[in-house]
Amino acid sequence: MRTSLAVAIAILVMLLMEMDGAVAQNYAWCAEAIKGGGRNCGFVSWEQCMATVSGNGGYCEQNPMYRPELESAVPSGKRRR
């Protein structure tokens, strides 16, 4: 009985906590792995992407979902006061 009450309270607290909204990533380059599959579209530059795939047989290509006009909408992680 005590355990179920503790679980119910924990769930209620988690539901009431204020969470930051999710922000979509908007980066220009994608790394594609050939073996083992996998795509990572988290690269700002072609050089950064190529450094990631070097040695593993992958390649880089432009992100077809990239939207340059959204760059200012992605938070930099720094907050002003």
PDB file of N, CA and C in Angstrom:
ATOM      1  N   MET A   1       0.822  -1.193   0.000  1.00  0.00           N
ATOM      2  CA  MET A   1       0.000   0.000   0.000  1.00  0.00           C
ATOM      3  C   MET A   1       0.871   1.264   0.000  1.00  0.00           C
ATOM      4  N   ARG A   2       1.897   1.252   0.847  1.00  0.00           N
ATOM      5  CA  ARG A   2       2.782   2.412   0.919  1.00  0.00           C
ATOM      6  C   ARG A   2       3.516   2.650  -0.400  1.00  0.00           C
ATOM      7  N   THR A   3       3.935   1.564  -1.017  1.00  0.00           N
ATOM      8  CA  THR A   3       4.672   1.676  -2.272  1.00  0.00           C
ATOM      9  C   THR A   3       3.797   2.277  -3.362  1.00  0.00           C
ATOM     10  N   SER A   4       2.566   1.820  -3.465  1.00  0.00           N
ATOM     11  CA  SER A   4       1.679   2.345  -4.509  1.00  0.00           C
ATOM     12  C   SER A   4       1.352   3.816  -4.259  1.00  0.00           C
ATOM     13  N   LEU A   5       1.242   4.226  -3.010  1.00  0.00           N
ATOM     14  CA  LEU A   5       0.996   5.630  -2.695  1.00  0.00           C
ATOM     15  C   LEU A   5       2.201   6.481  -3.066  1.00  0.00           C
ATOM     16  N   ALA A   6       3.399   5.975  -2.781  1.00  0.00           N
ATOM     17  CA  ALA A   6       4.624   6.697  -3.126  1.00  0.00           C
ATOM     18  C   ALA A   6       4.761   6.830  -4.643  1.00  0.00           C
ATOM     19  N   VAL A   7       4.421   5.782  -5.377  1.00  0.00           N
ATOM     20  CA  VAL A   7       4.485   5.822  -6.838  1.00  0.00           C
ATOM     21  C   VAL A   7       3.471   6.826  -7.381  1.00  0.00           C
ATOM     22  N   ALA A   8       2.270   6.836  -6.831  1.00  0.00           N
ATOM     23  CA  ALA A   8       1.237   7.771  -7.274  1.00  0.00           C
ATOM     24  C   ALA A   8       1.662   9.220  -7.023  1.00  0.00           C
ATOM     25  N   ILE A   9       2.261   9.475  -5.883  1.00  0.00           N
ATOM     26  CA  ILE A   9       2.723  10.830  -5.567  1.00  0.00           C
ATOM     27  C   ILE A   9       3.864  11.221  -6.501  1.00  0.00           C
ATOM     28  N   ALA A  10       4.781  10.305  -6.761  1.00  0.00           N
ATOM     29  CA  ALA A  10       5.900  10.594  -7.661  1.00  0.00           C
ATOM     30  C   ALA A  10       5.403  10.916  -9.069  1.00  0.00           C
ATOM     31  N   ILE A  11       4.419  10.174  -9.542  1.00  0.00           N
ATOM     32  CA  ILE A  11       3.860  10.434 -10.866  1.00  0.00           C
ATOM     33  C   ILE A  11       3.181  11.795 -10.900  1.00  0.00           C
ATOM     34  N   LEU A  12       2.436  12.131  -9.867  1.00  0.00           N
ATOM     35  CA  LEU A  12       1.758  13.419  -9.796  1.00  0.00           C
ATOM     36  C   LEU A  12       2.765  14.573  -9.802  1.00  0.00           C
ATOM     37  N   VAL A  13       3.843  14.433  -9.046  1.00  0.00           N
ATOM     38  CA  VAL A  13       4.875  15.471  -8.997  1.00  0.00           C
ATOM     39  C   VAL A  13       5.520  15.645 -10.371  1.00  0.00           C
ATOM     40  N   MET A  14       5.824  14.533 -11.051  1.00  0.00           N
ATOM     41  CA  MET A  14       6.437  14.622 -12.384  1.00  0.00           C
ATOM     42  C   MET A  14       5.500  15.293 -13.381  1.00  0.00           C
ATOM     43  N   LEU A  15       4.217  15.026 -13.298  1.00  0.00           N
ATOM     44  CA  LEU A  15       3.256  15.637 -14.212  1.00  0.00           C
ATOM     45  C   LEU A  15       3.098  17.135 -13.974  1.00  0.00           C
ATOM     46  N   LEU A  16       3.284  17.562 -12.742  1.00  0.00           N
ATOM     47  CA  LEU A  16       3.100  18.965 -12.406  1.00  0.00           C
ATOM     48  C   LEU A  16       4.370  19.803 -12.576  1.00  0.00           C
ATOM     49  N   MET A  17       5.510  19.143 -12.753  1.00  0.00           N
ATOM     50  CA  MET A  17       6.765  19.878 -12.921  1.00  0.00           C
ATOM     51  C   MET A  17       6.757  20.629 -14.237  1.00  0.00           C
ATOM     52  N   GLU A  18       7.334  21.823 -14.216  1.00  0.00           N
ATOM     53  CA  GLU A  18       7.439  22.612 -15.442  1.00  0.00           C
ATOM     54  C   GLU A  18       8.627  22.113 -16.238  1.00  0.00           C
ATOM     55  N   MET A  19       8.381  21.782 -17.484  1.00  0.00           N
ATOM     56  CA  MET A  19       9.435  21.274 -18.352  1.00  0.00           C
ATOM     57  C   MET A  19       9.694  22.276 -19.468  1.00  0.00           C
ATOM     58  N   ASP A  20      10.954  22.333 -19.925  1.00  0.00           N
ATOM     59  CA  ASP A  20      11.281  23.160 -21.084  1.00  0.00           C
ATOM     60  C   ASP A  20      10.719  22.503 -22.329  1.00  0.00           C
ATOM     61  N   GLY A  21      10.261  23.316 -23.258  1.00  0.00           N
ATOM     62  CA  GLY A  21       9.738  22.786 -24.511  1.00  0.00           C
ATOM     63  C   GLY A  21      10.851  22.219 -25.368  1.00  0.00           C
ATOM     64  N   ALA A  22      10.527  21.228 -26.145  1.00  0.00           N
ATOM     65  CA  ALA A  22      11.511  20.637 -27.048  1.00  0.00           C
ATOM     66  C   ALA A  22      11.749  21.579 -28.223  1.00  0.00           C
ATOM     67  N   VAL A  23      12.988  21.636 -28.650  1.00  0.00           N
ATOM     68  CA  VAL A  23      13.357  22.476 -29.785  1.00  0.00           C
ATOM     69  C   VAL A  23      13.985  21.579 -30.838  1.00  0.00           C
ATOM     70  N   ALA A  24      13.474  21.661 -32.040  1.00  0.00           N
ATOM     71  CA  ALA A  24      14.020  20.853 -33.122  1.00  0.00           C
ATOM     72  C   ALA A  24      15.413  21.332 -33.489  1.00  0.00           C
ATOM     73  N   GLN A  25      16.267  20.394 -33.844  1.00  0.00           N
ATOM     74  CA  GLN A  25      17.612  20.761 -34.275  1.00  0.00           C
ATOM     75  C   GLN A  25      17.561  21.171 -35.735  1.00  0.00           C
ATOM     76  N   ASN A  26      18.322  22.169 -36.081  1.00  0.00           N
ATOM     77  CA  ASN A  26      18.330  22.699 -37.436  1.00  0.00           C
ATOM     78  C   ASN A  26      19.775  22.883 -37.878  1.00  0.00           C
ATOM     79  N   TYR A  27      20.377  21.804 -38.399  1.00  0.00           N
ATOM     80  CA  TYR A  27      21.764  21.857 -38.833  1.00  0.00           C
ATOM     81  C   TYR A  27      21.876  21.512 -40.311  1.00  0.00           C
ATOM     82  N   ALA A  28      22.900  22.056 -40.957  1.00  0.00           N
ATOM     83  CA  ALA A  28      23.021  21.989 -42.411  1.00  0.00           C
ATOM     84  C   ALA A  28      23.548  20.667 -42.959  1.00  0.00           C
ATOM     85  N   TRP A  29      24.283  19.894 -42.165  1.00  0.00           N
ATOM     86  CA  TRP A  29      24.935  18.700 -42.693  1.00  0.00           C
ATOM     87  C   TRP A  29      24.566  17.437 -41.942  1.00  0.00           C
ATOM     88  N   CYS A  30      24.485  16.326 -42.694  1.00  0.00           N
ATOM     89  CA  CYS A  30      24.162  15.014 -42.128  1.00  0.00           C
ATOM     90  C   CYS A  30      25.300  14.038 -42.408  1.00  0.00           C
ATOM     91  N   ALA A  31      25.634  13.229 -41.403  1.00  0.00           N
ATOM     92  CA  ALA A  31      26.599  12.143 -41.569  1.00  0.00           C
ATOM     93  C   ALA A  31      25.807  10.862 -41.739  1.00  0.00           C
ATOM     94  N   GLU A  32      26.177  10.091 -42.739  1.00  0.00           N
ATOM     95  CA  GLU A  32      25.493   8.833 -43.036  1.00  0.00           C
ATOM     96  C   GLU A  32      26.507   7.701 -42.902  1.00  0.00           C
ATOM     97  N   ALA A  33      26.217   6.757 -42.022  1.00  0.00           N
ATOM     98  CA  ALA A  33      27.106   5.606 -41.842  1.00  0.00           C
ATOM     99  C   ALA A  33      26.716   4.524 -42.842  1.00  0.00           C
ATOM    100  N   ILE A  34      27.704   3.923 -43.477  1.00  0.00           N
ATOM    101  CA  ILE A  34      27.428   2.879 -44.466  1.00  0.00           C
ATOM    102  C   ILE A  34      27.183   1.544 -43.780  1.00  0.00           C
ATOM    103  N   LYS A  35      28.065   1.162 -42.873  1.00  0.00           N
ATOM    104  CA  LYS A  35      27.913  -0.107 -42.167  1.00  0.00           C
ATOM    105  C   LYS A  35      27.224   0.147 -40.831  1.00  0.00           C
ATOM    106  N   GLY A  36      26.203  -0.596 -40.538  1.00  0.00           N
ATOM    107  CA  GLY A  36      25.505  -0.445 -39.278  1.00  0.00           C
ATOM    108  C   GLY A  36      24.428   0.622 -39.322  1.00  0.00           C
ATOM    109  N   GLY A  37      24.314   1.297 -40.446  1.00  0.00           N
ATOM    110  CA  GLY A  37      23.263   2.286 -40.646  1.00  0.00           C
ATOM    111  C   GLY A  37      23.195   3.334 -39.553  1.00  0.00           C
ATOM    112  N   GLY A  38      22.786   4.458 -39.881  1.00  0.00           N
ATOM    113  CA  GLY A  38      22.635   5.536 -38.926  1.00  0.00           C
ATOM    114  C   GLY A  38      22.832   6.861 -39.620  1.00  0.00           C
ATOM    115  N   ARG A  39      22.034   7.816 -39.227  1.00  0.00           N
ATOM    116  CA  ARG A  39      22.103   9.143 -39.828  1.00  0.00           C
ATOM    117  C   ARG A  39      22.100  10.159 -38.699  1.00  0.00           C
ATOM    118  N   ASN A  40      23.037  11.097 -38.762  1.00  0.00           N
ATOM    119  CA  ASN A  40      23.139  12.127 -37.744  1.00  0.00           C
ATOM    120  C   ASN A  40      23.176  13.480 -38.450  1.00  0.00           C
ATOM    121  N   CYS A  41      22.118  14.245 -38.302  1.00  0.00           N
ATOM    122  CA  CYS A  41      22.038  15.563 -38.940  1.00  0.00           C
ATOM    123  C   CYS A  41      22.316  16.654 -37.915  1.00  0.00           C
ATOM    124  N   GLY A  42      23.430  16.553 -37.236  1.00  0.00           N
ATOM    125  CA  GLY A  42      23.758  17.503 -36.187  1.00  0.00           C
ATOM    126  C   GLY A  42      25.060  18.242 -36.423  1.00  0.00           C
ATOM    127  N   PHE A  43      25.348  18.584 -37.679  1.00  0.00           N
ATOM    128  CA  PHE A  43      26.625  19.213 -37.979  1.00  0.00           C
ATOM    129  C   PHE A  43      26.444  20.575 -38.623  1.00  0.00           C
ATOM    130  N   VAL A  44      27.205  21.537 -38.128  1.00  0.00           N
ATOM    131  CA  VAL A  44      27.129  22.916 -38.610  1.00  0.00           C
ATOM    132  C   VAL A  44      27.883  23.072 -39.927  1.00  0.00           C
ATOM    133  N   SER A  45      29.009  22.377 -40.069  1.00  0.00           N
ATOM    134  CA  SER A  45      29.826  22.535 -41.273  1.00  0.00           C
ATOM    135  C   SER A  45      30.139  21.177 -41.895  1.00  0.00           C
ATOM    136  N   TRP A  46      30.518  21.220 -43.169  1.00  0.00           N
ATOM    137  CA  TRP A  46      30.908  20.007 -43.881  1.00  0.00           C
ATOM    138  C   TRP A  46      32.172  19.423 -43.246  1.00  0.00           C
ATOM    139  N   GLU A  47      33.095  20.281 -42.847  1.00  0.00           N
ATOM    140  CA  GLU A  47      34.341  19.833 -42.229  1.00  0.00           C
ATOM    141  C   GLU A  47      34.068  19.084 -40.928  1.00  0.00           C
ATOM    142  N   GLN A  48      33.163  19.597 -40.124  1.00  0.00           N
ATOM    143  CA  GLN A  48      32.799  18.953 -38.862  1.00  0.00           C
ATOM    144  C   GLN A  48      32.206  17.572 -39.132  1.00  0.00           C
ATOM    145  N   CYS A  49      31.355  17.481 -40.110  1.00  0.00           N
ATOM    146  CA  CYS A  49      30.733  16.210 -40.480  1.00  0.00           C
ATOM    147  C   CYS A  49      31.784  15.221 -40.976  1.00  0.00           C
ATOM    148  N   MET A  50      32.673  15.669 -41.855  1.00  0.00           N
ATOM    149  CA  MET A  50      33.711  14.797 -42.406  1.00  0.00           C
ATOM    150  C   MET A  50      34.665  14.287 -41.330  1.00  0.00           C
ATOM    151  N   ALA A  51      34.962  15.111 -40.336  1.00  0.00           N
ATOM    152  CA  ALA A  51      35.816  14.670 -39.235  1.00  0.00           C
ATOM    153  C   ALA A  51      35.148  13.536 -38.460  1.00  0.00           C
ATOM    154  N   THR A  52      33.832  13.562 -38.391  1.00  0.00           N
ATOM    155  CA  THR A  52      33.093  12.530 -37.666  1.00  0.00           C
ATOM    156  C   THR A  52      33.097  11.206 -38.425  1.00  0.00           C
ATOM    157  N   VAL A  53      32.939  11.242 -39.735  1.00  0.00           N
ATOM    158  CA  VAL A  53      32.847   9.997 -40.514  1.00  0.00           C
ATOM    159  C   VAL A  53      34.196   9.473 -40.976  1.00  0.00           C
ATOM    160  N   SER A  54      35.268  10.236 -40.780  1.00  0.00           N
ATOM    161  CA  SER A  54      36.575   9.777 -41.255  1.00  0.00           C
ATOM    162  C   SER A  54      36.962   8.478 -40.555  1.00  0.00           C
ATOM    163  N   GLY A  55      37.343   7.495 -41.357  1.00  0.00           N
ATOM    164  CA  GLY A  55      37.769   6.217 -40.805  1.00  0.00           C
ATOM    165  C   GLY A  55      36.672   5.193 -40.649  1.00  0.00           C
ATOM    166  N   ASN A  56      35.408   5.570 -40.799  1.00  0.00           N
ATOM    167  CA  ASN A  56      34.347   4.577 -40.639  1.00  0.00           C
ATOM    168  C   ASN A  56      33.573   4.308 -41.935  1.00  0.00           C
ATOM    169  N   GLY A  57      34.049   4.872 -43.054  1.00  0.00           N
ATOM    170  CA  GLY A  57      33.421   4.584 -44.337  1.00  0.00           C
ATOM    171  C   GLY A  57      32.118   5.305 -44.577  1.00  0.00           C
ATOM    172  N   GLY A  58      31.826   6.314 -43.796  1.00  0.00           N
ATOM    173  CA  GLY A  58      30.593   7.068 -43.989  1.00  0.00           C
ATOM    174  C   GLY A  58      30.795   8.227 -44.942  1.00  0.00           C
ATOM    175  N   TYR A  59      29.747   8.974 -45.136  1.00  0.00           N
ATOM    176  CA  TYR A  59      29.821  10.149 -46.001  1.00  0.00           C
ATOM    177  C   TYR A  59      28.909  11.248 -45.458  1.00  0.00           C
ATOM    178  N   CYS A  60      29.083  12.445 -45.975  1.00  0.00           N
ATOM    179  CA  CYS A  60      28.291  13.598 -45.548  1.00  0.00           C
ATOM    180  C   CYS A  60      27.479  14.132 -46.711  1.00  0.00           C
ATOM    181  N   GLU A  61      26.306  14.627 -46.384  1.00  0.00           N
ATOM    182  CA  GLU A  61      25.466  15.265 -47.382  1.00  0.00           C
ATOM    183  C   GLU A  61      24.667  16.381 -46.725  1.00  0.00           C
ATOM    184  N   GLN A  62      24.186  17.305 -47.543  1.00  0.00           N
ATOM    185  CA  GLN A  62      23.399  18.403 -46.998  1.00  0.00           C
ATOM    186  C   GLN A  62      22.093  17.869 -46.433  1.00  0.00           C
ATOM    187  N   ASN A  63      21.659  18.459 -45.348  1.00  0.00           N
ATOM    188  CA  ASN A  63      20.412  18.080 -44.696  1.00  0.00           C
ATOM    189  C   ASN A  63      19.239  18.608 -45.523  1.00  0.00           C
ATOM    190  N   PRO A  64      18.396  17.723 -46.071  1.00  0.00           N
ATOM    191  CA  PRO A  64      17.274  18.190 -46.887  1.00  0.00           C
ATOM    192  C   PRO A  64      16.208  18.932 -46.069  1.00  0.00           C
ATOM    193  N   MET A  65      16.250  18.777 -44.753  1.00  0.00           N
ATOM    194  CA  MET A  65      15.266  19.430 -43.887  1.00  0.00           C
ATOM    195  C   MET A  65      15.784  20.743 -43.297  1.00  0.00           C
ATOM    196  N   TYR A  66      17.022  21.115 -43.640  1.00  0.00           N
ATOM    197  CA  TYR A  66      17.646  22.313 -43.087  1.00  0.00           C
ATOM    198  C   TYR A  66      16.904  23.570 -43.539  1.00  0.00           C
ATOM    199  N   ARG A  67      16.642  24.454 -42.576  1.00  0.00           N
ATOM    200  CA  ARG A  67      15.963  25.720 -42.862  1.00  0.00           C
ATOM    201  C   ARG A  67      16.783  26.851 -42.253  1.00  0.00           C
ATOM    202  N   PRO A  68      17.584  27.548 -43.081  1.00  0.00           N
ATOM    203  CA  PRO A  68      18.467  28.610 -42.567  1.00  0.00           C
ATOM    204  C   PRO A  68      17.730  29.704 -41.816  1.00  0.00           C
ATOM    205  N   GLU A  69      16.504  29.979 -42.172  1.00  0.00           N
ATOM    206  CA  GLU A  69      15.761  31.055 -41.507  1.00  0.00           C
ATOM    207  C   GLU A  69      15.435  30.731 -40.053  1.00  0.00           C
ATOM    208  N   LEU A  70      15.592  29.464 -39.647  1.00  0.00           N
ATOM    209  CA  LEU A  70      15.309  29.085 -38.267  1.00  0.00           C
ATOM    210  C   LEU A  70      16.531  29.163 -37.364  1.00  0.00           C
ATOM    211  N   GLU A  71      17.693  29.505 -37.909  1.00  0.00           N
ATOM    212  CA  GLU A  71      18.910  29.537 -37.098  1.00  0.00           C
ATOM    213  C   GLU A  71      18.789  30.457 -35.896  1.00  0.00           C
ATOM    214  N   SER A  72      18.143  31.568 -36.059  1.00  0.00           N
ATOM    215  CA  SER A  72      18.001  32.491 -34.933  1.00  0.00           C
ATOM    216  C   SER A  72      16.992  31.984 -33.910  1.00  0.00           C
ATOM    217  N   ALA A  73      16.154  31.016 -34.288  1.00  0.00           N
ATOM    218  CA  ALA A  73      15.141  30.485 -33.371  1.00  0.00           C
ATOM    219  C   ALA A  73      15.699  29.403 -32.464  1.00  0.00           C
ATOM    220  N   VAL A  74      16.840  28.798 -32.824  1.00  0.00           N
ATOM    221  CA  VAL A  74      17.445  27.761 -32.007  1.00  0.00           C
ATOM    222  C   VAL A  74      18.211  28.424 -30.874  1.00  0.00           C
ATOM    223  N   PRO A  75      17.862  28.123 -29.620  1.00  0.00           N
ATOM    224  CA  PRO A  75      18.531  28.790 -28.497  1.00  0.00           C
ATOM    225  C   PRO A  75      19.996  28.404 -28.414  1.00  0.00           C
ATOM    226  N   SER A  76      20.822  29.366 -28.018  1.00  0.00           N
ATOM    227  CA  SER A  76      22.265  29.132 -27.921  1.00  0.00           C
ATOM    228  C   SER A  76      22.661  28.538 -26.576  1.00  0.00           C
ATOM    229  N   GLY A  77      21.739  28.440 -25.647  1.00  0.00           N
ATOM    230  CA  GLY A  77      22.045  27.899 -24.341  1.00  0.00           C
ATOM    231  C   GLY A  77      22.412  28.975 -23.339  1.00  0.00           C
ATOM    232  N   LYS A  78      22.610  30.197 -23.793  1.00  0.00           N
ATOM    233  CA  LYS A  78      22.945  31.303 -22.901  1.00  0.00           C
ATOM    234  C   LYS A  78      21.692  32.130 -22.660  1.00  0.00           C
ATOM    235  N   ARG A  79      21.494  32.490 -21.433  1.00  0.00           N
ATOM    236  CA  ARG A  79      20.328  33.302 -21.091  1.00  0.00           C
ATOM    237  C   ARG A  79      20.778  34.672 -20.633  1.00  0.00           C
ATOM    238  N   ARG A  80      20.076  35.671 -21.064  1.00  0.00           N
ATOM    239  CA  ARG A  80      20.360  37.040 -20.632  1.00  0.00           C
ATOM    240  C   ARG A  80      19.511  37.376 -19.431  1.00  0.00           C
ATOM    241  N   ARG A  81      20.051  38.211 -18.594  1.00  0.00           N
ATOM    242  CA  ARG A  81      19.284  38.669 -17.424  1.00  0.00           C
ATOM    243  C   ARG A  81      19.102  40.151 -17.480  1.00  0.00           C
TER     244      ARG A  81
END
